[in-house]
N, C-alpha and C. Protein backbone atom coordinates (compact mmCIF):
# COMPACT_ATOMS: atom_id res chain seq x y z
N MET A 1 -34.92 -63.89 148.89
CA MET A 1 -34.57 -65.03 149.70
C MET A 1 -35.30 -64.94 151.02
N ASN A 2 -35.73 -66.06 151.49
CA ASN A 2 -36.46 -66.11 152.75
C ASN A 2 -35.50 -66.09 153.93
N ALA A 3 -35.93 -65.43 154.99
CA ALA A 3 -35.11 -65.36 156.19
C ALA A 3 -35.16 -66.70 156.93
N PRO A 4 -34.09 -67.00 157.67
CA PRO A 4 -34.10 -68.25 158.44
C PRO A 4 -35.22 -68.26 159.47
N MET A 5 -35.78 -69.43 159.65
CA MET A 5 -36.80 -69.58 160.68
C MET A 5 -36.07 -69.74 162.02
N ALA A 6 -36.76 -69.49 163.11
CA ALA A 6 -36.15 -69.60 164.44
C ALA A 6 -35.56 -70.99 164.64
N GLY A 7 -34.30 -71.05 165.05
CA GLY A 7 -33.65 -72.31 165.32
C GLY A 7 -33.23 -73.10 164.09
N GLU A 8 -33.31 -72.50 162.93
CA GLU A 8 -32.99 -73.19 161.68
C GLU A 8 -31.50 -73.03 161.38
N SER A 9 -30.82 -74.15 161.14
CA SER A 9 -29.40 -74.09 160.79
C SER A 9 -29.24 -73.66 159.33
N GLY A 10 -28.01 -73.38 158.95
CA GLY A 10 -27.74 -73.01 157.57
C GLY A 10 -28.13 -74.11 156.60
N CYS A 11 -27.81 -75.36 156.96
CA CYS A 11 -28.16 -76.49 156.09
C CYS A 11 -29.67 -76.64 156.00
N GLN A 12 -30.35 -76.49 157.10
CA GLN A 12 -31.81 -76.60 157.09
C GLN A 12 -32.41 -75.51 156.21
N LEU A 13 -31.86 -74.31 156.32
CA LEU A 13 -32.33 -73.19 155.50
C LEU A 13 -32.15 -73.50 154.02
N MET A 14 -30.96 -73.96 153.66
CA MET A 14 -30.70 -74.25 152.24
C MET A 14 -31.59 -75.38 151.73
N LYS A 15 -31.81 -76.40 152.54
CA LYS A 15 -32.69 -77.50 152.13
C LYS A 15 -34.12 -77.02 151.97
N ARG A 16 -34.57 -76.14 152.86
CA ARG A 16 -35.93 -75.58 152.74
C ARG A 16 -36.04 -74.74 151.47
N LEU A 17 -35.01 -73.93 151.21
CA LEU A 17 -35.02 -73.10 150.00
C LEU A 17 -35.02 -73.96 148.74
N ALA A 18 -34.29 -75.06 148.76
CA ALA A 18 -34.27 -75.97 147.61
C ALA A 18 -35.66 -76.57 147.39
N LYS A 19 -36.30 -76.95 148.48
CA LYS A 19 -37.65 -77.52 148.37
C LYS A 19 -38.62 -76.48 147.80
N GLU A 20 -38.53 -75.25 148.29
CA GLU A 20 -39.40 -74.17 147.79
C GLU A 20 -39.11 -73.88 146.32
N ALA A 21 -37.84 -73.96 145.93
CA ALA A 21 -37.47 -73.72 144.54
C ALA A 21 -38.08 -74.79 143.64
N LYS A 22 -38.09 -76.03 144.09
CA LYS A 22 -38.68 -77.11 143.30
C LYS A 22 -40.17 -76.87 143.08
N VAL A 23 -40.85 -76.40 144.11
CA VAL A 23 -42.28 -76.09 143.99
C VAL A 23 -42.48 -74.94 142.99
N SER A 24 -41.65 -73.92 143.09
CA SER A 24 -41.75 -72.78 142.19
C SER A 24 -41.49 -73.19 140.75
N ILE A 25 -40.50 -74.04 140.53
CA ILE A 25 -40.19 -74.51 139.18
C ILE A 25 -41.38 -75.29 138.62
N ALA A 26 -41.96 -76.15 139.44
CA ALA A 26 -43.11 -76.94 138.99
C ALA A 26 -44.28 -76.03 138.61
N LYS A 27 -44.53 -74.99 139.40
CA LYS A 27 -45.61 -74.06 139.09
C LYS A 27 -45.33 -73.30 137.80
N THR A 28 -44.10 -72.85 137.64
CA THR A 28 -43.72 -72.11 136.43
C THR A 28 -43.86 -73.02 135.21
N GLN A 29 -43.42 -74.26 135.33
CA GLN A 29 -43.52 -75.20 134.22
C GLN A 29 -44.97 -75.50 133.88
N ALA A 30 -45.80 -75.66 134.91
CA ALA A 30 -47.23 -75.93 134.67
C ALA A 30 -47.88 -74.75 133.94
N HIS A 31 -47.51 -73.53 134.34
CA HIS A 31 -48.05 -72.34 133.67
C HIS A 31 -47.57 -72.30 132.22
N ALA A 32 -46.29 -72.61 132.00
CA ALA A 32 -45.77 -72.64 130.63
C ALA A 32 -46.50 -73.68 129.79
N ASP A 33 -46.78 -74.82 130.38
CA ASP A 33 -47.51 -75.87 129.66
C ASP A 33 -48.92 -75.40 129.28
N GLU A 34 -49.57 -74.68 130.18
CA GLU A 34 -50.91 -74.15 129.90
C GLU A 34 -50.86 -73.15 128.74
N VAL A 35 -49.86 -72.28 128.76
CA VAL A 35 -49.72 -71.28 127.70
C VAL A 35 -49.43 -71.97 126.36
N ALA A 36 -48.55 -72.97 126.37
CA ALA A 36 -48.24 -73.71 125.14
C ALA A 36 -49.48 -74.41 124.60
N SER A 37 -50.29 -74.94 125.48
CA SER A 37 -51.53 -75.61 125.08
C SER A 37 -52.48 -74.61 124.44
N ARG A 38 -52.57 -73.44 125.04
CA ARG A 38 -53.46 -72.40 124.50
C ARG A 38 -52.98 -71.95 123.11
N ILE A 39 -51.67 -71.83 122.94
CA ILE A 39 -51.12 -71.47 121.63
C ILE A 39 -51.50 -72.53 120.61
N ALA A 40 -51.36 -73.79 120.98
CA ALA A 40 -51.71 -74.88 120.06
C ALA A 40 -53.19 -74.84 119.69
N GLU A 41 -54.04 -74.53 120.67
CA GLU A 41 -55.49 -74.42 120.40
C GLU A 41 -55.76 -73.30 119.40
N LEU A 42 -55.11 -72.16 119.62
CA LEU A 42 -55.33 -71.03 118.72
C LEU A 42 -54.82 -71.34 117.31
N GLU A 43 -53.65 -71.97 117.22
CA GLU A 43 -53.07 -72.27 115.91
C GLU A 43 -53.91 -73.30 115.15
N ALA A 44 -54.68 -74.10 115.87
CA ALA A 44 -55.52 -75.12 115.23
C ALA A 44 -56.80 -74.53 114.64
N GLN A 45 -57.10 -73.28 114.99
CA GLN A 45 -58.31 -72.65 114.48
C GLN A 45 -58.14 -72.30 113.00
N ALA A 46 -59.28 -72.18 112.31
CA ALA A 46 -59.27 -71.88 110.88
C ALA A 46 -58.60 -70.53 110.59
N ASN A 47 -58.90 -69.54 111.41
CA ASN A 47 -58.35 -68.20 111.20
C ASN A 47 -57.81 -67.70 112.55
N PRO A 48 -56.63 -68.19 112.95
CA PRO A 48 -56.12 -67.85 114.28
C PRO A 48 -55.75 -66.37 114.42
N ASP A 49 -55.91 -65.88 115.64
CA ASP A 49 -55.56 -64.51 115.97
C ASP A 49 -54.05 -64.45 116.19
N GLN A 50 -53.33 -63.97 115.19
CA GLN A 50 -51.87 -63.96 115.24
C GLN A 50 -51.32 -63.05 116.33
N SER A 51 -52.01 -61.96 116.62
CA SER A 51 -51.52 -61.06 117.67
C SER A 51 -51.62 -61.73 119.04
N GLN A 52 -52.69 -62.48 119.25
CA GLN A 52 -52.84 -63.20 120.51
C GLN A 52 -51.80 -64.31 120.61
N ILE A 53 -51.57 -65.01 119.51
CA ILE A 53 -50.55 -66.06 119.51
C ILE A 53 -49.18 -65.47 119.80
N SER A 54 -48.89 -64.34 119.19
CA SER A 54 -47.60 -63.68 119.41
C SER A 54 -47.43 -63.27 120.87
N ALA A 55 -48.48 -62.71 121.45
CA ALA A 55 -48.42 -62.30 122.86
C ALA A 55 -48.22 -63.52 123.76
N LEU A 56 -48.94 -64.58 123.47
CA LEU A 56 -48.79 -65.80 124.27
C LEU A 56 -47.40 -66.41 124.09
N GLN A 57 -46.85 -66.33 122.89
CA GLN A 57 -45.51 -66.86 122.65
C GLN A 57 -44.47 -66.09 123.46
N GLN A 58 -44.65 -64.78 123.55
CA GLN A 58 -43.74 -63.97 124.37
C GLN A 58 -43.84 -64.38 125.84
N THR A 59 -45.07 -64.60 126.31
CA THR A 59 -45.27 -65.05 127.68
C THR A 59 -44.60 -66.40 127.90
N LEU A 60 -44.77 -67.29 126.94
CA LEU A 60 -44.17 -68.62 127.03
C LEU A 60 -42.65 -68.53 127.08
N ASP A 61 -42.07 -67.68 126.26
CA ASP A 61 -40.62 -67.51 126.27
C ASP A 61 -40.12 -67.02 127.63
N VAL A 62 -40.85 -66.08 128.23
CA VAL A 62 -40.48 -65.57 129.55
C VAL A 62 -40.57 -66.67 130.61
N LEU A 63 -41.65 -67.45 130.56
CA LEU A 63 -41.83 -68.53 131.53
C LEU A 63 -40.74 -69.59 131.39
N ARG A 64 -40.41 -69.93 130.17
CA ARG A 64 -39.35 -70.93 129.95
C ARG A 64 -38.00 -70.42 130.44
N LYS A 65 -37.72 -69.15 130.19
CA LYS A 65 -36.45 -68.57 130.66
C LYS A 65 -36.42 -68.56 132.19
N LYS A 66 -37.53 -68.19 132.80
CA LYS A 66 -37.61 -68.17 134.26
C LYS A 66 -37.37 -69.57 134.83
N ALA A 67 -38.01 -70.57 134.25
CA ALA A 67 -37.84 -71.95 134.72
C ALA A 67 -36.38 -72.39 134.56
N GLU A 68 -35.78 -72.04 133.44
CA GLU A 68 -34.38 -72.40 133.19
C GLU A 68 -33.46 -71.75 134.24
N GLU A 69 -33.70 -70.47 134.53
CA GLU A 69 -32.89 -69.77 135.52
C GLU A 69 -33.10 -70.37 136.91
N GLU A 70 -34.35 -70.71 137.24
CA GLU A 70 -34.64 -71.31 138.53
C GLU A 70 -33.96 -72.68 138.65
N ARG A 71 -33.95 -73.46 137.57
CA ARG A 71 -33.29 -74.77 137.60
C ARG A 71 -31.78 -74.62 137.81
N ALA A 72 -31.18 -73.64 137.15
CA ALA A 72 -29.75 -73.40 137.31
C ALA A 72 -29.43 -72.99 138.75
N SER A 73 -30.25 -72.12 139.30
CA SER A 73 -30.06 -71.68 140.67
C SER A 73 -30.23 -72.84 141.65
N LEU A 74 -31.24 -73.67 141.41
CA LEU A 74 -31.47 -74.83 142.26
C LEU A 74 -30.28 -75.79 142.17
N SER A 75 -29.77 -76.00 140.99
CA SER A 75 -28.63 -76.89 140.81
C SER A 75 -27.43 -76.41 141.62
N GLU A 76 -27.18 -75.11 141.57
CA GLU A 76 -26.07 -74.54 142.35
C GLU A 76 -26.32 -74.71 143.84
N LEU A 77 -27.54 -74.48 144.28
CA LEU A 77 -27.88 -74.63 145.69
C LEU A 77 -27.71 -76.08 146.12
N GLU A 78 -28.14 -77.01 145.28
CA GLU A 78 -27.99 -78.43 145.61
C GLU A 78 -26.52 -78.82 145.69
N ASP A 79 -25.67 -78.23 144.85
CA ASP A 79 -24.23 -78.48 144.92
C ASP A 79 -23.67 -78.02 146.26
N VAL A 80 -24.08 -76.84 146.69
CA VAL A 80 -23.62 -76.30 147.97
C VAL A 80 -24.07 -77.19 149.12
N ILE A 81 -25.33 -77.65 149.04
CA ILE A 81 -25.86 -78.54 150.09
C ILE A 81 -25.04 -79.83 150.13
N ARG A 82 -24.78 -80.43 148.97
CA ARG A 82 -23.99 -81.67 148.93
C ARG A 82 -22.60 -81.48 149.50
N GLU A 83 -21.99 -80.36 149.21
CA GLU A 83 -20.62 -80.10 149.66
C GLU A 83 -20.54 -79.77 151.15
N ASN A 84 -21.58 -79.17 151.69
CA ASN A 84 -21.48 -78.62 153.05
C ASN A 84 -22.41 -79.24 154.09
N CYS A 85 -23.35 -80.03 153.67
CA CYS A 85 -24.32 -80.52 154.65
C CYS A 85 -24.21 -82.00 154.82
């Protein structure tokens, strides 16, 4: 978690963290989309490298789980902001 900036209120801090979380989620999702695209490219080949596909699938699973966890955390943070700010 990032430390408060000078003169930043609790609400301002939470809103900044929510904004940063949205950027992080977008980056994670974009990376997951790239990995999924690469998997599709490999699977379309005549003789795809199954070990590479498997490794990429594991990476994709991790990225999707990370994005899901980040979305849940953001949702909770947004609830707190709505209730308190």
